[in-house]
Amino acid sequence: MADFDALTMELEEKIRREEWRIYSRRVCEGAYNPKNAGELDNPDGK
């Protein structure tokens, strides 16, 4: 299982580096640290 975990971490790092190469810093930071995520206290559907 350790080999699988290492492979997963390596792939995630490669993907993240590729994202930072393609997209702007602002886009990547917004994707990994969203400011408007979560639930509304009393959603009314309007």
Protein backbone atom coordinates (compact mmCIF):
# COMPACT_ATOMS: atom_id res chain seq x y z
CA MET A 1 0.00 0.00 0.00
CA ALA A 2 2.92 2.36 0.61
CA ASP A 3 3.85 2.13 -3.08
CA PHE A 4 0.32 3.13 -4.06
CA ASP A 5 0.36 6.08 -1.64
CA ALA A 6 3.72 7.23 -2.97
CA LEU A 7 2.47 6.98 -6.55
CA THR A 8 -0.68 8.91 -5.68
CA MET A 9 1.30 11.70 -4.01
CA GLU A 10 3.69 11.88 -6.97
CA LEU A 11 0.81 12.15 -9.45
CA GLU A 12 -0.93 14.82 -7.37
CA GLU A 13 2.27 16.87 -7.27
CA LYS A 14 2.75 16.56 -11.05
CA ILE A 15 -0.84 17.63 -11.65
CA ARG A 16 -0.49 20.60 -9.33
CA ARG A 17 2.74 21.74 -11.03
CA GLU A 18 1.04 21.47 -14.42
CA GLU A 19 -1.93 23.51 -13.17
CA TRP A 20 0.40 26.24 -11.89
CA ARG A 21 2.15 26.26 -15.27
CA ILE A 22 -1.11 26.58 -17.23
CA TYR A 23 -3.24 28.81 -15.00
CA SER A 24 -2.49 32.09 -13.29
CA ARG A 25 -1.55 32.21 -9.62
CA ARG A 26 -4.86 33.86 -8.77
CA VAL A 27 -6.88 31.09 -10.44
CA CYS A 28 -4.93 28.32 -8.71
CA GLU A 29 -5.12 29.97 -5.29
CA GLY A 30 -8.86 30.48 -5.72
CA ALA A 31 -9.34 26.84 -6.70
CA TYR A 32 -7.38 25.47 -3.75
CA ASN A 33 -8.58 28.06 -1.20
CA PRO A 34 -12.17 29.01 -2.10
CA LYS A 35 -13.64 31.92 -0.16
CA ASN A 36 -17.29 31.35 -1.03
CA ALA A 37 -17.67 27.66 -0.19
CA GLY A 38 -20.04 26.30 2.41
CA GLU A 39 -23.70 26.27 3.25
CA LEU A 40 -26.15 29.13 3.63
CA ASP A 41 -27.79 29.54 7.02
CA ASN A 42 -31.37 29.90 5.77
CA PRO A 43 -31.60 29.34 2.00
CA ASP A 44 -35.01 30.29 0.60
CA GLY A 45 -34.51 29.42 -3.08
CA LYS A 46 -35.11 32.97 -4.34
